């Protein structure tokens, strides 16, 4: 081989015994960190989140370098599947106006909550997941899992959210799709009793509730689609752990400057306290 490529044998052995360059050593360190980050992310992060996680640990490198190192390690993020809507709006219940009107940014927590329902297959049959997210931090503030799609499913999620959070007396805007559960008399009454204003998406327009839809795209891509649930109990335990332990507290969110929802809220509340203490 040395003869074929016109190199000396001594040059080849010198290359073999040559110590790694400073950049080579740094690449080894970065590769180990990337493997650890990917393991902690449950094998779900792509190059943007890994780049952000490295920067947070004091290694601000380019995204292209992250991509190269990930390729060398054989690391890939999970791919999203095509969106499929599940809302059944064939009912004659009163529908509120689309007050939110795709304004997906707020300047404080508990100003706007968005909600939706999705389905999950297990070997025992379907289960249904209802969630409520705070639009400010994208945190899941309420959830419910059941074997049915009755109004109790979304009422339980609302009760959980109100138990965890304390919206101001000035009121809160609650946005959902046109599903009969959200338009039902019982649910609308629960919103009024909690001094919560209602906003509902327009017919056939999933983008009016894009934040909730995006959350379901994430949980299905990163957890539900790669997992086979042998029964409903395991599905429930796994999903709740993913929401409360991983998504709310650890998963880096691109909309939040690559902070987790909990970190984003903590940073916000610290900013409110620091001027007073100063």
C-alpha atoms as a PDB file:
ATOM      1  CA  UNK A   1       0.000   0.000   0.000  1.00  0.00           C
ATOM      2  CA  UNK A   2       2.862   2.351   0.791  1.00  0.00           C
ATOM      3  CA  UNK A   3       4.294   1.735  -2.674  1.00  0.00           C
ATOM      4  CA  UNK A   4       0.901   2.181  -4.332  1.00  0.00           C
ATOM      5  CA  UNK A   5       0.275   5.581  -2.744  1.00  0.00           C
ATOM      6  CA  UNK A   6       3.916   6.581  -3.086  1.00  0.00           C
ATOM      7  CA  UNK A   7       4.553   6.993   0.622  1.00  0.00           C
ATOM      8  CA  UNK A   8       7.354   5.649   2.778  1.00  0.00           C
ATOM      9  CA  UNK A   9       6.756   2.931   5.347  1.00  0.00           C
ATOM     10  CA  UNK A  10       8.456   5.047   8.001  1.00  0.00           C
ATOM     11  CA  UNK A  11       6.062   7.914   7.195  1.00  0.00           C
ATOM     12  CA  UNK A  12       3.049   5.604   7.641  1.00  0.00           C
ATOM     13  CA  UNK A  13       4.229   4.318  11.032  1.00  0.00           C
ATOM     14  CA  UNK A  14       5.060   7.854  12.127  1.00  0.00           C
ATOM     15  CA  UNK A  15       1.478   8.829  11.271  1.00  0.00           C
ATOM     16  CA  UNK A  16       0.128   5.853  13.251  1.00  0.00           C
ATOM     17  CA  UNK A  17       2.123   6.823  16.348  1.00  0.00           C
ATOM     18  CA  UNK A  18       1.518  10.556  16.071  1.00  0.00           C
ATOM     19  CA  UNK A  19      -0.514  11.941  18.991  1.00  0.00           C
ATOM     20  CA  UNK A  20      -3.917  13.484  18.287  1.00  0.00           C
ATOM     21  CA  UNK A  21      -3.975  17.137  17.329  1.00  0.00           C
ATOM     22  CA  UNK A  22      -5.711  19.591  19.702  1.00  0.00           C
ATOM     23  CA  UNK A  23      -8.746  19.589  17.401  1.00  0.00           C
ATOM     24  CA  UNK A  24      -8.757  15.783  17.295  1.00  0.00           C
ATOM     25  CA  UNK A  25      -8.714  15.651  21.092  1.00  0.00           C
ATOM     26  CA  UNK A  26     -11.541  18.198  21.214  1.00  0.00           C
ATOM     27  CA  UNK A  27     -13.551  16.090  18.754  1.00  0.00           C
ATOM     28  CA  UNK A  28     -13.122  13.067  21.017  1.00  0.00           C
ATOM     29  CA  UNK A  29     -14.391  15.080  23.991  1.00  0.00           C
ATOM     30  CA  UNK A  30     -17.297  16.480  21.970  1.00  0.00           C
ATOM     31  CA  UNK A  31     -18.217  13.027  20.689  1.00  0.00           C
ATOM     32  CA  UNK A  32     -18.428  11.697  24.241  1.00  0.00           C
ATOM     33  CA  UNK A  33     -20.576  14.673  25.249  1.00  0.00           C
ATOM     34  CA  UNK A  34     -22.866  14.208  22.244  1.00  0.00           C
ATOM     35  CA  UNK A  35     -23.377  10.553  23.134  1.00  0.00           C
ATOM     36  CA  UNK A  36     -24.259  11.521  26.708  1.00  0.00           C
ATOM     37  CA  UNK A  37     -26.634  14.291  25.581  1.00  0.00           C
ATOM     38  CA  UNK A  38     -28.346  11.937  23.150  1.00  0.00           C
ATOM     39  CA  UNK A  39     -28.730   9.309  25.861  1.00  0.00           C
ATOM     40  CA  UNK A  40     -30.225  11.840  28.277  1.00  0.00           C
ATOM     41  CA  UNK A  41     -32.594  13.057  25.547  1.00  0.00           C
ATOM     42  CA  UNK A  42     -33.812   9.470  25.098  1.00  0.00           C
ATOM     43  CA  UNK A  43     -32.326   9.350  21.593  1.00  0.00           C
ATOM     44  CA  UNK A  44     -34.636  12.135  20.379  1.00  0.00           C
ATOM     45  CA  UNK A  45     -32.416  15.192  19.803  1.00  0.00           C
ATOM     46  CA  UNK A  46     -31.330  16.352  16.375  1.00  0.00           C
ATOM     47  CA  UNK A  47     -28.387  18.649  15.631  1.00  0.00           C
ATOM     48  CA  UNK A  48     -30.053  21.960  16.715  1.00  0.00           C
ATOM     49  CA  UNK A  49     -30.809  20.759  20.254  1.00  0.00           C
ATOM     50  CA  UNK A  50     -27.470  18.992  20.611  1.00  0.00           C
ATOM     51  CA  UNK A  51     -25.732  22.185  19.485  1.00  0.00           C
ATOM     52  CA  UNK A  52     -27.696  24.161  22.106  1.00  0.00           C
ATOM     53  CA  UNK A  53     -26.934  21.599  24.818  1.00  0.00           C
ATOM     54  CA  UNK A  54     -23.198  21.738  24.009  1.00  0.00           C
ATOM     55  CA  UNK A  55     -23.244  25.545  24.096  1.00  0.00           C
ATOM     56  CA  UNK A  56     -24.931  25.441  27.514  1.00  0.00           C
ATOM     57  CA  UNK A  57     -22.034  23.287  28.737  1.00  0.00           C
ATOM     58  CA  UNK A  58     -19.420  25.724  27.454  1.00  0.00           C
ATOM     59  CA  UNK A  59     -18.785  24.319  23.963  1.00  0.00           C
ATOM     60  CA  UNK A  60     -20.303  26.747  21.410  1.00  0.00           C
ATOM     61  CA  UNK A  61     -19.519  24.996  18.118  1.00  0.00           C
ATOM     62  CA  UNK A  62     -21.095  25.276  14.668  1.00  0.00           C
ATOM     63  CA  UNK A  63     -24.089  23.187  13.688  1.00  0.00           C
ATOM     64  CA  UNK A  64     -22.192  21.694  10.733  1.00  0.00           C
ATOM     65  CA  UNK A  65     -19.537  20.371  13.093  1.00  0.00           C
ATOM     66  CA  UNK A  66     -22.258  18.852  15.274  1.00  0.00           C
ATOM     67  CA  UNK A  67     -23.765  17.193  12.181  1.00  0.00           C
ATOM     68  CA  UNK A  68     -20.382  15.732  11.176  1.00  0.00           C
ATOM     69  CA  UNK A  69     -19.709  14.364  14.660  1.00  0.00           C
ATOM     70  CA  UNK A  70     -23.233  12.920  14.875  1.00  0.00           C
ATOM     71  CA  UNK A  71     -22.756  11.239  11.492  1.00  0.00           C
ATOM     72  CA  UNK A  72     -19.471   9.697  12.656  1.00  0.00           C
ATOM     73  CA  UNK A  73     -21.281   8.343  15.716  1.00  0.00           C
ATOM     74  CA  UNK A  74     -24.250   7.079  13.691  1.00  0.00           C
ATOM     75  CA  UNK A  75     -26.697   9.253  15.631  1.00  0.00           C
ATOM     76  CA  UNK A  76     -29.994  10.328  14.061  1.00  0.00           C
ATOM     77  CA  UNK A  77     -33.120  11.934  15.497  1.00  0.00           C
ATOM     78  CA  UNK A  78     -36.566  10.361  15.105  1.00  0.00           C
ATOM     79  CA  UNK A  79     -38.464  11.476  11.996  1.00  0.00           C
ATOM     80  CA  UNK A  80     -41.966  12.904  12.153  1.00  0.00           C
ATOM     81  CA  UNK A  81     -44.848  11.105  10.526  1.00  0.00           C
ATOM     82  CA  UNK A  82     -47.515  12.825   8.480  1.00  0.00           C
ATOM     83  CA  UNK A  83     -50.084  14.737  10.532  1.00  0.00           C
ATOM     84  CA  UNK A  84     -53.520  13.190  10.890  1.00  0.00           C
ATOM     85  CA  UNK A  85     -56.421  15.140  12.388  1.00  0.00           C
ATOM     86  CA  UNK A  86     -58.772  13.488  14.875  1.00  0.00           C
ATOM     87  CA  UNK A  87     -61.335  16.182  15.724  1.00  0.00           C
ATOM     88  CA  UNK A  88     -64.996  15.325  15.237  1.00  0.00           C
ATOM     89  CA  UNK A  89     -66.824  18.632  14.837  1.00  0.00           C
ATOM     90  CA  UNK A  90     -70.068  17.181  13.476  1.00  0.00           C
ATOM     91  CA  UNK A  91     -72.320  18.495  16.209  1.00  0.00           C
ATOM     92  CA  UNK A  92     -74.779  21.351  16.723  1.00  0.00           C
ATOM     93  CA  UNK A  93     -73.359  22.684  19.961  1.00  0.00           C
ATOM     94  CA  UNK A  94     -72.629  26.436  20.203  1.00  0.00           C
ATOM     95  CA  UNK A  95     -69.134  27.412  19.077  1.00  0.00           C
ATOM     96  CA  UNK A  96     -67.169  30.331  20.540  1.00  0.00           C
ATOM     97  CA  UNK A  97     -65.267  32.796  18.392  1.00  0.00           C
ATOM     98  CA  UNK A  98     -61.629  32.200  17.465  1.00  0.00           C
ATOM     99  CA  UNK A  99     -60.426  34.890  19.882  1.00  0.00           C
ATOM    100  CA  UNK A 100     -56.847  33.602  19.946  1.00  0.00           C
ATOM    101  CA  UNK A 101     -56.587  34.101  16.168  1.00  0.00           C
ATOM    102  CA  UNK A 102     -53.182  32.370  15.943  1.00  0.00           C
ATOM    103  CA  UNK A 103     -51.521  34.803  18.346  1.00  0.00           C
ATOM    104  CA  UNK A 104     -49.201  32.214  19.847  1.00  0.00           C
ATOM    105  CA  UNK A 105     -47.012  34.504  21.962  1.00  0.00           C
ATOM    106  CA  UNK A 106     -47.782  35.879  25.405  1.00  0.00           C
ATOM    107  CA  UNK A 107     -45.650  37.883  27.831  1.00  0.00           C
ATOM    108  CA  UNK A 108     -46.568  36.023  31.033  1.00  0.00           C
ATOM    109  CA  UNK A 109     -47.684  32.623  32.247  1.00  0.00           C
ATOM    110  CA  UNK A 110     -51.334  31.615  32.645  1.00  0.00           C
ATOM    111  CA  UNK A 111     -52.646  34.142  30.143  1.00  0.00           C
ATOM    112  CA  UNK A 112     -53.528  31.619  27.437  1.00  0.00           C
ATOM    113  CA  UNK A 113     -53.944  27.856  27.659  1.00  0.00           C
ATOM    114  CA  UNK A 114     -54.342  25.631  24.589  1.00  0.00           C
ATOM    115  CA  UNK A 115     -55.814  22.123  24.631  1.00  0.00           C
ATOM    116  CA  UNK A 116     -56.309  19.081  22.440  1.00  0.00           C
ATOM    117  CA  UNK A 117     -56.932  15.311  22.453  1.00  0.00           C
ATOM    118  CA  UNK A 118     -55.062  12.478  20.729  1.00  0.00           C
ATOM    119  CA  UNK A 119     -55.346   8.699  20.600  1.00  0.00           C
ATOM    120  CA  UNK A 120     -52.751   6.018  21.461  1.00  0.00           C
ATOM    121  CA  UNK A 121     -52.865   2.343  20.538  1.00  0.00           C
ATOM    122  CA  UNK A 122     -52.011  -0.402  23.042  1.00  0.00           C
ATOM    123  CA  UNK A 123     -52.297  -4.186  22.834  1.00  0.00           C
ATOM    124  CA  UNK A 124     -55.423  -3.852  24.996  1.00  0.00           C
ATOM    125  CA  UNK A 125     -57.007  -1.232  22.752  1.00  0.00           C
ATOM    126  CA  UNK A 126     -57.099   2.549  22.440  1.00  0.00           C
ATOM    127  CA  UNK A 127     -56.432   5.107  25.153  1.00  0.00           C
ATOM    128  CA  UNK A 128     -56.975   8.835  24.771  1.00  0.00           C
ATOM    129  CA  UNK A 129     -54.769  11.658  26.013  1.00  0.00           C
ATOM    130  CA  UNK A 130     -56.049  15.179  26.699  1.00  0.00           C
ATOM    131  CA  UNK A 131     -53.527  17.915  27.481  1.00  0.00           C
ATOM    132  CA  UNK A 132     -53.544  21.607  28.359  1.00  0.00           C
ATOM    133  CA  UNK A 133     -50.443  23.702  27.646  1.00  0.00           C
ATOM    134  CA  UNK A 134     -49.522  27.161  28.869  1.00  0.00           C
ATOM    135  CA  UNK A 135     -48.839  29.146  25.699  1.00  0.00           C
ATOM    136  CA  UNK A 136     -46.162  31.232  27.438  1.00  0.00           C
ATOM    137  CA  UNK A 137     -43.844  28.390  28.461  1.00  0.00           C
ATOM    138  CA  UNK A 138     -45.299  25.495  26.412  1.00  0.00           C
ATOM    139  CA  UNK A 139     -45.518  23.603  29.711  1.00  0.00           C
ATOM    140  CA  UNK A 140     -48.138  20.871  30.087  1.00  0.00           C
ATOM    141  CA  UNK A 141     -50.164  22.225  32.999  1.00  0.00           C
ATOM    142  CA  UNK A 142     -52.917  19.608  32.897  1.00  0.00           C
ATOM    143  CA  UNK A 143     -53.433  16.178  31.376  1.00  0.00           C
ATOM    144  CA  UNK A 144     -55.815  13.242  31.482  1.00  0.00           C
ATOM    145  CA  UNK A 145     -55.684   9.698  30.092  1.00  0.00           C
ATOM    146  CA  UNK A 146     -58.777   7.501  29.714  1.00  0.00           C
ATOM    147  CA  UNK A 147     -60.268   4.670  27.674  1.00  0.00           C
ATOM    148  CA  UNK A 148     -63.085   6.897  26.381  1.00  0.00           C
ATOM    149  CA  UNK A 149     -63.673  10.210  24.627  1.00  0.00           C
ATOM    150  CA  UNK A 150     -66.439  11.484  26.875  1.00  0.00           C
ATOM    151  CA  UNK A 151     -66.417  15.033  28.250  1.00  0.00           C
ATOM    152  CA  UNK A 152     -64.998  13.712  31.552  1.00  0.00           C
ATOM    153  CA  UNK A 153     -61.664  13.236  29.762  1.00  0.00           C
ATOM    154  CA  UNK A 154     -61.183  16.962  29.145  1.00  0.00           C
ATOM    155  CA  UNK A 155     -62.839  17.993  32.405  1.00  0.00           C
ATOM    156  CA  UNK A 156     -60.259  15.949  34.326  1.00  0.00           C
ATOM    157  CA  UNK A 157     -57.434  17.664  32.440  1.00  0.00           C
ATOM    158  CA  UNK A 158     -58.940  21.081  33.226  1.00  0.00           C
ATOM    159  CA  UNK A 159     -59.352  20.177  36.899  1.00  0.00           C
ATOM    160  CA  UNK A 160     -55.705  19.078  37.042  1.00  0.00           C
ATOM    161  CA  UNK A 161     -54.542  22.338  35.431  1.00  0.00           C
ATOM    162  CA  UNK A 162     -56.553  24.465  37.855  1.00  0.00           C
ATOM    163  CA  UNK A 163     -55.174  22.406  40.735  1.00  0.00           C
ATOM    164  CA  UNK A 164     -51.569  23.015  39.662  1.00  0.00           C
ATOM    165  CA  UNK A 165     -51.880  26.636  38.547  1.00  0.00           C
ATOM    166  CA  UNK A 166     -53.570  29.724  39.943  1.00  0.00           C
ATOM    167  CA  UNK A 167     -54.649  31.985  37.059  1.00  0.00           C
ATOM    168  CA  UNK A 168     -55.215  35.598  37.988  1.00  0.00           C
ATOM    169  CA  UNK A 169     -58.707  36.908  38.671  1.00  0.00           C
ATOM    170  CA  UNK A 170     -58.368  39.045  35.534  1.00  0.00           C
ATOM    171  CA  UNK A 171     -59.171  35.955  33.524  1.00  0.00           C
ATOM    172  CA  UNK A 172     -57.548  33.427  31.255  1.00  0.00           C
ATOM    173  CA  UNK A 173     -58.152  32.567  27.593  1.00  0.00           C
ATOM    174  CA  UNK A 174     -58.659  28.883  26.841  1.00  0.00           C
ATOM    175  CA  UNK A 175     -58.316  27.755  23.220  1.00  0.00           C
ATOM    176  CA  UNK A 176     -59.229  24.379  21.731  1.00  0.00           C
ATOM    177  CA  UNK A 177     -60.495  22.833  18.530  1.00  0.00           C
ATOM    178  CA  UNK A 178     -64.184  22.342  17.720  1.00  0.00           C
ATOM    179  CA  UNK A 179     -64.496  18.904  19.331  1.00  0.00           C
ATOM    180  CA  UNK A 180     -67.812  18.177  20.996  1.00  0.00           C
ATOM    181  CA  UNK A 181     -66.063  17.620  24.350  1.00  0.00           C
ATOM    182  CA  UNK A 182     -64.864  21.246  24.446  1.00  0.00           C
ATOM    183  CA  UNK A 183     -68.133  22.666  23.114  1.00  0.00           C
ATOM    184  CA  UNK A 184     -70.284  20.660  25.549  1.00  0.00           C
ATOM    185  CA  UNK A 185     -72.483  22.389  28.122  1.00  0.00           C
ATOM    186  CA  UNK A 186     -70.602  20.822  31.054  1.00  0.00           C
ATOM    187  CA  UNK A 187     -67.218  21.977  29.812  1.00  0.00           C
ATOM    188  CA  UNK A 188     -68.346  25.479  28.946  1.00  0.00           C
ATOM    189  CA  UNK A 189     -69.932  25.753  32.385  1.00  0.00           C
ATOM    190  CA  UNK A 190     -66.657  24.665  34.019  1.00  0.00           C
ATOM    191  CA  UNK A 191     -64.811  27.391  32.097  1.00  0.00           C
ATOM    192  CA  UNK A 192     -67.297  30.056  33.169  1.00  0.00           C
ATOM    193  CA  UNK A 193     -67.114  28.987  36.816  1.00  0.00           C
ATOM    194  CA  UNK A 194     -63.321  29.352  36.693  1.00  0.00           C
ATOM    195  CA  UNK A 195     -63.617  32.802  35.044  1.00  0.00           C
ATOM    196  CA  UNK A 196     -61.953  31.483  31.878  1.00  0.00           C
ATOM    197  CA  UNK A 197     -62.819  32.909  28.457  1.00  0.00           C
ATOM    198  CA  UNK A 198     -63.250  30.457  25.590  1.00  0.00           C
ATOM    199  CA  UNK A 199     -61.727  30.506  22.104  1.00  0.00           C
ATOM    200  CA  UNK A 200     -62.328  27.789  19.492  1.00  0.00           C
ATOM    201  CA  UNK A 201     -60.628  27.070  16.166  1.00  0.00           C
ATOM    202  CA  UNK A 202     -62.373  27.634  12.868  1.00  0.00           C
ATOM    203  CA  UNK A 203     -63.830  24.645  11.047  1.00  0.00           C
ATOM    204  CA  UNK A 204     -61.272  22.425   9.307  1.00  0.00           C
ATOM    205  CA  UNK A 205     -58.324  24.598  10.325  1.00  0.00           C
ATOM    206  CA  UNK A 206     -55.821  22.700  12.479  1.00  0.00           C
ATOM    207  CA  UNK A 207     -53.327  25.593  12.311  1.00  0.00           C
ATOM    208  CA  UNK A 208     -55.575  27.635  14.608  1.00  0.00           C
ATOM    209  CA  UNK A 209     -54.441  25.233  17.347  1.00  0.00           C
ATOM    210  CA  UNK A 210     -50.926  24.711  16.045  1.00  0.00           C
ATOM    211  CA  UNK A 211     -49.127  24.731  19.416  1.00  0.00           C
ATOM    212  CA  UNK A 212     -51.187  21.843  20.808  1.00  0.00           C
ATOM    213  CA  UNK A 213     -50.895  19.983  17.503  1.00  0.00           C
ATOM    214  CA  UNK A 214     -47.131  20.466  17.572  1.00  0.00           C
ATOM    215  CA  UNK A 215     -46.927  19.025  21.073  1.00  0.00           C
ATOM    216  CA  UNK A 216     -48.741  15.886  19.937  1.00  0.00           C
ATOM    217  CA  UNK A 217     -46.417  15.656  16.937  1.00  0.00           C
ATOM    218  CA  UNK A 218     -43.473  15.713  19.343  1.00  0.00           C
ATOM    219  CA  UNK A 219     -44.766  13.106  21.783  1.00  0.00           C
ATOM    220  CA  UNK A 220     -45.795  10.778  18.964  1.00  0.00           C
ATOM    221  CA  UNK A 221     -42.453  11.118  17.164  1.00  0.00           C
ATOM    222  CA  UNK A 222     -40.281  10.760  20.251  1.00  0.00           C
ATOM    223  CA  UNK A 223     -42.296   8.342  22.396  1.00  0.00           C
ATOM    224  CA  UNK A 224     -45.517   6.841  21.065  1.00  0.00           C
ATOM    225  CA  UNK A 225     -44.560   5.727  17.558  1.00  0.00           C
ATOM    226  CA  UNK A 226     -41.273   4.030  18.594  1.00  0.00           C
ATOM    227  CA  UNK A 227     -42.950   2.231  21.534  1.00  0.00           C
ATOM    228  CA  UNK A 228     -45.161  -0.848  21.724  1.00  0.00           C
ATOM    229  CA  UNK A 229     -47.430  -0.599  24.768  1.00  0.00           C
ATOM    230  CA  UNK A 230     -48.520  -4.060  26.000  1.00  0.00           C
ATOM    231  CA  UNK A 231     -51.416  -2.629  27.993  1.00  0.00           C
ATOM    232  CA  UNK A 232     -53.140   0.615  28.963  1.00  0.00           C
ATOM    233  CA  UNK A 233     -51.549   0.801  32.416  1.00  0.00           C
ATOM    234  CA  UNK A 234     -48.017   0.776  31.000  1.00  0.00           C
ATOM    235  CA  UNK A 235     -49.016   3.317  28.365  1.00  0.00           C
ATOM    236  CA  UNK A 236     -50.339   5.630  31.059  1.00  0.00           C
ATOM    237  CA  UNK A 237     -47.252   5.304  33.280  1.00  0.00           C
ATOM    238  CA  UNK A 238     -44.863   5.811  30.355  1.00  0.00           C
ATOM    239  CA  UNK A 239     -46.687   8.839  28.949  1.00  0.00           C
ATOM    240  CA  UNK A 240     -47.066  10.547  32.327  1.00  0.00           C
ATOM    241  CA  UNK A 241     -43.361  10.051  33.076  1.00  0.00           C
ATOM    242  CA  UNK A 242     -42.431  11.478  29.647  1.00  0.00           C
ATOM    243  CA  UNK A 243     -44.603  14.561  30.192  1.00  0.00           C
ATOM    244  CA  UNK A 244     -43.780  15.348  33.811  1.00  0.00           C
ATOM    245  CA  UNK A 245     -40.140  14.237  34.060  1.00  0.00           C
ATOM    246  CA  UNK A 246     -38.745  14.691  30.551  1.00  0.00           C
ATOM    247  CA  UNK A 247     -40.841  17.151  28.536  1.00  0.00           C
ATOM    248  CA  UNK A 248     -41.717  19.692  31.233  1.00  0.00           C
ATOM    249  CA  UNK A 249     -38.364  19.655  33.028  1.00  0.00           C
ATOM    250  CA  UNK A 250     -35.623  18.499  30.662  1.00  0.00           C
ATOM    251  CA  UNK A 251     -36.489  18.618  26.963  1.00  0.00           C
ATOM    252  CA  UNK A 252     -35.008  21.667  25.222  1.00  0.00           C
ATOM    253  CA  UNK A 253     -37.657  23.662  23.350  1.00  0.00           C
ATOM    254  CA  UNK A 254     -36.597  25.627  20.258  1.00  0.00           C
ATOM    255  CA  UNK A 255     -39.323  28.265  20.773  1.00  0.00           C
ATOM    256  CA  UNK A 256     -37.987  28.937  24.284  1.00  0.00           C
ATOM    257  CA  UNK A 257     -34.392  29.559  23.240  1.00  0.00           C
ATOM    258  CA  UNK A 258     -33.529  25.899  23.859  1.00  0.00           C
ATOM    259  CA  UNK A 259     -34.656  25.876  27.488  1.00  0.00           C
ATOM    260  CA  UNK A 260     -37.089  23.388  28.963  1.00  0.00           C
ATOM    261  CA  UNK A 261     -40.540  24.746  29.911  1.00  0.00           C
ATOM    262  CA  UNK A 262     -39.626  24.560  33.610  1.00  0.00           C
ATOM    263  CA  UNK A 263     -36.318  26.358  33.038  1.00  0.00           C
ATOM    264  CA  UNK A 264     -38.066  29.028  30.983  1.00  0.00           C
ATOM    265  CA  UNK A 265     -40.609  29.661  33.739  1.00  0.00           C
ATOM    266  CA  UNK A 266     -37.907  29.718  36.423  1.00  0.00           C
ATOM    267  CA  UNK A 267     -35.947  32.272  34.408  1.00  0.00           C
ATOM    268  CA  UNK A 268     -39.079  34.391  33.976  1.00  0.00           C
ATOM    269  CA  UNK A 269     -39.947  34.366  37.695  1.00  0.00           C
ATOM    270  CA  UNK A 270     -36.357  35.170  38.672  1.00  0.00           C
ATOM    271  CA  UNK A 271     -36.490  38.194  36.371  1.00  0.00           C
ATOM    272  CA  UNK A 272     -39.549  39.434  38.260  1.00  0.00           C
ATOM    273  CA  UNK A 273     -37.889  39.020  41.659  1.00  0.00           C
ATOM    274  CA  UNK A 274     -34.399  40.371  40.957  1.00  0.00           C
ATOM    275  CA  UNK A 275     -35.316  44.060  40.396  1.00  0.00           C
ATOM    276  CA  UNK A 276     -37.185  44.082  43.726  1.00  0.00           C
ATOM    277  CA  UNK A 277     -34.317  42.500  45.672  1.00  0.00           C
ATOM    278  CA  UNK A 278     -31.846  44.900  44.039  1.00  0.00           C
END
